[in-house]
Amino acid sequence: MAQVSLTQILVVVGFLAALIAVQIVLQRNARGIGKRLGRGREIQVVEVTALGPNDRLSLVEADGQRILVLTGRHGAGAFMVLGTSRQSHAAEAP
């Protein structure tokens, strides 16, 4: 039977403590980290709402424009451009 040294036990405990610490930090900052990772993307899904068992209405932002996208059971859908997003208005304001 192999002997387990105190050093090996300390390394494993230290590694587990580091993993737990990283998990706690990520959970506390998940929203901020997610926003930072989303920067620079040209297309973002802002919100999705179920209209029924097979229909979805999605609000998508692409290149500063907000677009409503309706998708149905068989993928057939429609879209409507709403105009510029609130964020692009705020960025343009002096």
N, C-alpha and C. Protein backbone atom coordinates (compact mmCIF):
# COMPACT_ATOMS: atom_id res chain seq x y z
N MET A 1 0.84 -1.16 0.00
CA MET A 1 0.00 0.00 0.00
C MET A 1 0.90 1.24 0.00
N ALA A 2 0.57 2.24 -0.81
CA ALA A 2 1.39 3.44 -0.95
C ALA A 2 1.18 4.38 0.23
N GLN A 3 2.25 4.98 0.66
CA GLN A 3 2.20 5.95 1.75
C GLN A 3 1.88 7.33 1.17
N VAL A 4 1.03 8.07 1.89
CA VAL A 4 0.68 9.43 1.49
C VAL A 4 1.40 10.37 2.46
N SER A 5 2.19 11.25 1.90
CA SER A 5 2.96 12.14 2.75
C SER A 5 2.14 13.39 3.11
N LEU A 6 2.60 14.07 4.13
CA LEU A 6 1.94 15.30 4.57
C LEU A 6 2.00 16.36 3.49
N THR A 7 3.06 16.40 2.72
CA THR A 7 3.20 17.37 1.63
C THR A 7 2.13 17.16 0.57
N GLN A 8 1.88 15.91 0.22
CA GLN A 8 0.86 15.60 -0.78
C GLN A 8 -0.52 16.02 -0.29
N ILE A 9 -0.81 15.77 0.97
CA ILE A 9 -2.10 16.16 1.54
C ILE A 9 -2.24 17.68 1.51
N LEU A 10 -1.19 18.40 1.88
CA LEU A 10 -1.23 19.86 1.88
C LEU A 10 -1.41 20.41 0.46
N VAL A 11 -0.79 19.81 -0.52
CA VAL A 11 -0.94 20.26 -1.91
C VAL A 11 -2.39 20.07 -2.37
N VAL A 12 -2.97 18.93 -2.07
CA VAL A 12 -4.36 18.67 -2.47
C VAL A 12 -5.32 19.62 -1.76
N VAL A 13 -5.16 19.82 -0.47
CA VAL A 13 -6.02 20.73 0.29
C VAL A 13 -5.86 22.16 -0.23
N GLY A 14 -4.63 22.58 -0.51
CA GLY A 14 -4.40 23.92 -1.05
C GLY A 14 -5.03 24.11 -2.42
N PHE A 15 -4.94 23.11 -3.26
CA PHE A 15 -5.55 23.17 -4.59
C PHE A 15 -7.07 23.26 -4.49
N LEU A 16 -7.67 22.45 -3.63
CA LEU A 16 -9.12 22.51 -3.44
C LEU A 16 -9.56 23.85 -2.88
N ALA A 17 -8.79 24.41 -1.95
CA ALA A 17 -9.12 25.73 -1.40
C ALA A 17 -9.05 26.80 -2.49
N ALA A 18 -8.05 26.71 -3.36
CA ALA A 18 -7.95 27.67 -4.46
C ALA A 18 -9.13 27.55 -5.42
N LEU A 19 -9.55 26.34 -5.74
CA LEU A 19 -10.71 26.14 -6.61
C LEU A 19 -11.98 26.71 -5.99
N ILE A 20 -12.17 26.48 -4.70
CA ILE A 20 -13.35 27.01 -4.01
C ILE A 20 -13.32 28.54 -4.01
N ALA A 21 -12.15 29.13 -3.80
CA ALA A 21 -12.03 30.59 -3.81
C ALA A 21 -12.36 31.16 -5.19
N VAL A 22 -11.88 30.53 -6.24
CA VAL A 22 -12.19 30.98 -7.60
C VAL A 22 -13.68 30.87 -7.87
N GLN A 23 -14.31 29.79 -7.44
CA GLN A 23 -15.74 29.61 -7.64
C GLN A 23 -16.53 30.71 -6.93
N ILE A 24 -16.15 31.06 -5.72
CA ILE A 24 -16.85 32.12 -4.97
C ILE A 24 -16.69 33.46 -5.68
N VAL A 25 -15.49 33.77 -6.14
CA VAL A 25 -15.26 35.03 -6.85
C VAL A 25 -16.08 35.09 -8.13
N LEU A 26 -16.12 34.00 -8.88
CA LEU A 26 -16.88 33.98 -10.12
C LEU A 26 -18.38 34.12 -9.86
N GLN A 27 -18.89 33.49 -8.82
CA GLN A 27 -20.31 33.60 -8.51
C GLN A 27 -20.68 35.02 -8.10
N ARG A 28 -19.82 35.69 -7.36
CA ARG A 28 -20.12 37.06 -6.92
C ARG A 28 -20.03 38.06 -8.06
N ASN A 29 -19.19 37.79 -9.05
CA ASN A 29 -18.98 38.74 -10.14
C ASN A 29 -19.47 38.22 -11.49
N ALA A 30 -20.37 37.26 -11.49
CA ALA A 30 -20.80 36.63 -12.74
C ALA A 30 -21.42 37.63 -13.70
N ARG A 31 -22.25 38.51 -13.21
CA ARG A 31 -22.92 39.48 -14.08
C ARG A 31 -21.91 40.42 -14.74
N GLY A 32 -20.99 40.96 -13.95
CA GLY A 32 -19.98 41.87 -14.50
C GLY A 32 -19.04 41.19 -15.47
N ILE A 33 -18.66 39.98 -15.16
CA ILE A 33 -17.76 39.23 -16.04
C ILE A 33 -18.47 38.92 -17.36
N GLY A 34 -19.73 38.54 -17.27
CA GLY A 34 -20.50 38.25 -18.49
C GLY A 34 -20.64 39.45 -19.39
N LYS A 35 -20.85 40.63 -18.81
CA LYS A 35 -20.94 41.84 -19.62
C LYS A 35 -19.62 42.16 -20.29
N ARG A 36 -18.51 42.00 -19.54
CA ARG A 36 -17.21 42.28 -20.12
C ARG A 36 -16.87 41.30 -21.24
N LEU A 37 -17.28 40.06 -21.12
CA LEU A 37 -17.01 39.09 -22.17
C LEU A 37 -17.84 39.37 -23.41
N GLY A 38 -19.01 39.98 -23.23
CA GLY A 38 -19.89 40.29 -24.35
C GLY A 38 -19.50 41.53 -25.13
N ARG A 39 -18.57 42.32 -24.61
CA ARG A 39 -18.14 43.53 -25.31
C ARG A 39 -17.49 43.17 -26.63
N GLY A 40 -17.68 44.04 -27.59
CA GLY A 40 -17.04 43.83 -28.88
C GLY A 40 -17.84 42.94 -29.81
N ARG A 41 -18.89 42.37 -29.34
CA ARG A 41 -19.71 41.54 -30.22
C ARG A 41 -20.63 42.45 -31.03
N GLU A 42 -20.84 42.08 -32.26
CA GLU A 42 -21.70 42.87 -33.14
C GLU A 42 -23.17 42.53 -32.95
N ILE A 43 -23.47 41.29 -32.59
CA ILE A 43 -24.86 40.86 -32.43
C ILE A 43 -25.04 40.32 -31.02
N GLN A 44 -26.07 40.82 -30.33
CA GLN A 44 -26.38 40.34 -28.98
C GLN A 44 -27.87 40.08 -28.87
N VAL A 45 -28.24 38.98 -28.22
CA VAL A 45 -29.64 38.71 -27.91
C VAL A 45 -29.92 39.41 -26.59
N VAL A 46 -30.81 40.41 -26.63
CA VAL A 46 -31.11 41.20 -25.45
C VAL A 46 -32.11 40.47 -24.57
N GLU A 47 -33.16 39.92 -25.18
CA GLU A 47 -34.20 39.24 -24.41
C GLU A 47 -34.97 38.30 -25.32
N VAL A 48 -35.47 37.19 -24.75
CA VAL A 48 -36.30 36.23 -25.47
C VAL A 48 -37.54 35.98 -24.64
N THR A 49 -38.70 36.04 -25.30
CA THR A 49 -39.97 35.81 -24.62
C THR A 49 -40.75 34.72 -25.35
N ALA A 50 -41.27 33.76 -24.60
CA ALA A 50 -42.10 32.71 -25.19
C ALA A 50 -43.51 33.26 -25.37
N LEU A 51 -44.03 33.16 -26.59
CA LEU A 51 -45.40 33.59 -26.87
C LEU A 51 -46.38 32.43 -26.79
N GLY A 52 -45.87 31.25 -26.85
CA GLY A 52 -46.68 30.04 -26.78
C GLY A 52 -45.75 28.85 -26.74
N PRO A 53 -46.30 27.66 -26.88
CA PRO A 53 -45.44 26.48 -26.79
C PRO A 53 -44.41 26.38 -27.92
N ASN A 54 -44.68 27.02 -29.06
CA ASN A 54 -43.77 26.89 -30.21
C ASN A 54 -43.27 28.22 -30.75
N ASP A 55 -43.73 29.33 -30.23
CA ASP A 55 -43.37 30.63 -30.77
C ASP A 55 -42.51 31.42 -29.79
N ARG A 56 -41.51 32.10 -30.33
CA ARG A 56 -40.61 32.93 -29.52
C ARG A 56 -40.47 34.30 -30.16
N LEU A 57 -40.42 35.31 -29.30
CA LEU A 57 -40.15 36.67 -29.74
C LEU A 57 -38.82 37.08 -29.12
N SER A 58 -37.86 37.44 -29.97
CA SER A 58 -36.52 37.78 -29.50
C SER A 58 -36.22 39.23 -29.84
N LEU A 59 -35.59 39.90 -28.89
CA LEU A 59 -35.10 41.25 -29.12
C LEU A 59 -33.59 41.13 -29.33
N VAL A 60 -33.13 41.51 -30.50
CA VAL A 60 -31.73 41.36 -30.89
C VAL A 60 -31.16 42.74 -31.18
N GLU A 61 -29.91 42.94 -30.77
CA GLU A 61 -29.23 44.19 -31.08
C GLU A 61 -28.07 43.87 -32.02
N ALA A 62 -28.08 44.53 -33.17
CA ALA A 62 -27.03 44.30 -34.16
C ALA A 62 -26.56 45.65 -34.69
N ASP A 63 -25.29 45.95 -34.50
CA ASP A 63 -24.69 47.18 -35.01
C ASP A 63 -25.46 48.43 -34.56
N GLY A 64 -25.88 48.43 -33.29
CA GLY A 64 -26.57 49.59 -32.73
C GLY A 64 -28.05 49.65 -33.03
N GLN A 65 -28.57 48.70 -33.80
CA GLN A 65 -29.98 48.65 -34.15
C GLN A 65 -30.68 47.56 -33.34
N ARG A 66 -31.89 47.84 -32.88
CA ARG A 66 -32.68 46.82 -32.19
C ARG A 66 -33.67 46.22 -33.18
N ILE A 67 -33.76 44.89 -33.15
CA ILE A 67 -34.59 44.16 -34.10
C ILE A 67 -35.43 43.15 -33.33
N LEU A 68 -36.75 43.12 -33.61
CA LEU A 68 -37.63 42.08 -33.07
C LEU A 68 -37.65 40.93 -34.06
N VAL A 69 -37.44 39.72 -33.56
CA VAL A 69 -37.43 38.53 -34.42
C VAL A 69 -38.46 37.55 -33.87
N LEU A 70 -39.43 37.17 -34.71
CA LEU A 70 -40.45 36.20 -34.34
C LEU A 70 -40.13 34.89 -35.02
N THR A 71 -39.99 33.82 -34.23
CA THR A 71 -39.72 32.50 -34.79
C THR A 71 -40.82 31.55 -34.38
N GLY A 72 -41.18 30.66 -35.28
CA GLY A 72 -42.24 29.70 -35.04
C GLY A 72 -41.73 28.28 -34.99
N ARG A 73 -42.66 27.37 -34.99
CA ARG A 73 -42.35 25.95 -34.84
C ARG A 73 -41.41 25.43 -35.92
N HIS A 74 -41.63 25.81 -37.14
CA HIS A 74 -40.84 25.27 -38.25
C HIS A 74 -39.72 26.20 -38.67
N GLY A 75 -39.39 27.16 -37.83
CA GLY A 75 -38.29 28.06 -38.13
C GLY A 75 -38.70 29.25 -38.98
N ALA A 76 -39.90 29.22 -39.55
CA ALA A 76 -40.36 30.36 -40.33
C ALA A 76 -40.59 31.52 -39.39
N GLY A 77 -40.19 32.70 -39.79
CA GLY A 77 -40.33 33.82 -38.88
C GLY A 77 -40.42 35.13 -39.60
N ALA A 78 -40.43 36.19 -38.81
CA ALA A 78 -40.48 37.54 -39.34
C ALA A 78 -39.62 38.42 -38.45
N PHE A 79 -39.25 39.58 -38.97
CA PHE A 79 -38.48 40.50 -38.15
C PHE A 79 -38.93 41.93 -38.43
N MET A 80 -38.65 42.80 -37.47
CA MET A 80 -38.98 44.22 -37.61
C MET A 80 -37.87 45.03 -36.96
N VAL A 81 -37.31 45.97 -37.70
CA VAL A 81 -36.26 46.84 -37.17
C VAL A 81 -36.92 47.94 -36.35
N LEU A 82 -36.51 48.08 -35.09
CA LEU A 82 -37.10 49.07 -34.20
C LEU A 82 -36.36 50.40 -34.23
N GLY A 83 -35.10 50.40 -34.56
CA GLY A 83 -34.32 51.63 -34.56
C GLY A 83 -33.08 51.47 -33.72
N THR A 84 -32.46 52.59 -33.37
CA THR A 84 -31.22 52.54 -32.61
C THR A 84 -31.50 52.16 -31.17
N SER A 85 -30.50 51.56 -30.53
CA SER A 85 -30.64 51.12 -29.15
C SER A 85 -30.42 52.26 -28.19
N ARG A 86 -30.81 52.08 -26.95
CA ARG A 86 -30.61 53.08 -25.90
C ARG A 86 -29.12 53.30 -25.65
N GLN A 87 -28.34 52.24 -25.73
CA GLN A 87 -26.90 52.35 -25.46
C GLN A 87 -26.21 53.23 -26.49
N SER A 88 -26.61 53.14 -27.76
CA SER A 88 -25.97 53.98 -28.78
C SER A 88 -26.39 55.44 -28.61
N HIS A 89 -27.64 55.69 -28.10
CA HIS A 89 -28.05 57.06 -27.80
C HIS A 89 -27.21 57.63 -26.68
N ALA A 90 -26.95 56.83 -25.65
CA ALA A 90 -26.16 57.29 -24.50
C ALA A 90 -24.72 57.56 -24.91
N ALA A 91 -24.19 56.76 -25.81
CA ALA A 91 -22.80 56.94 -26.24
C ALA A 91 -22.65 58.21 -27.09
N GLU A 92 -23.70 58.59 -27.83
CA GLU A 92 -23.64 59.75 -28.68
C GLU A 92 -23.87 61.05 -27.92
N ALA A 93 -24.49 60.97 -26.74
CA ALA A 93 -24.79 62.18 -25.96
C ALA A 93 -23.51 62.81 -25.44
N PRO A 94 -23.43 64.16 -25.45
CA PRO A 94 -22.20 64.81 -24.97
C PRO A 94 -22.04 64.75 -23.49
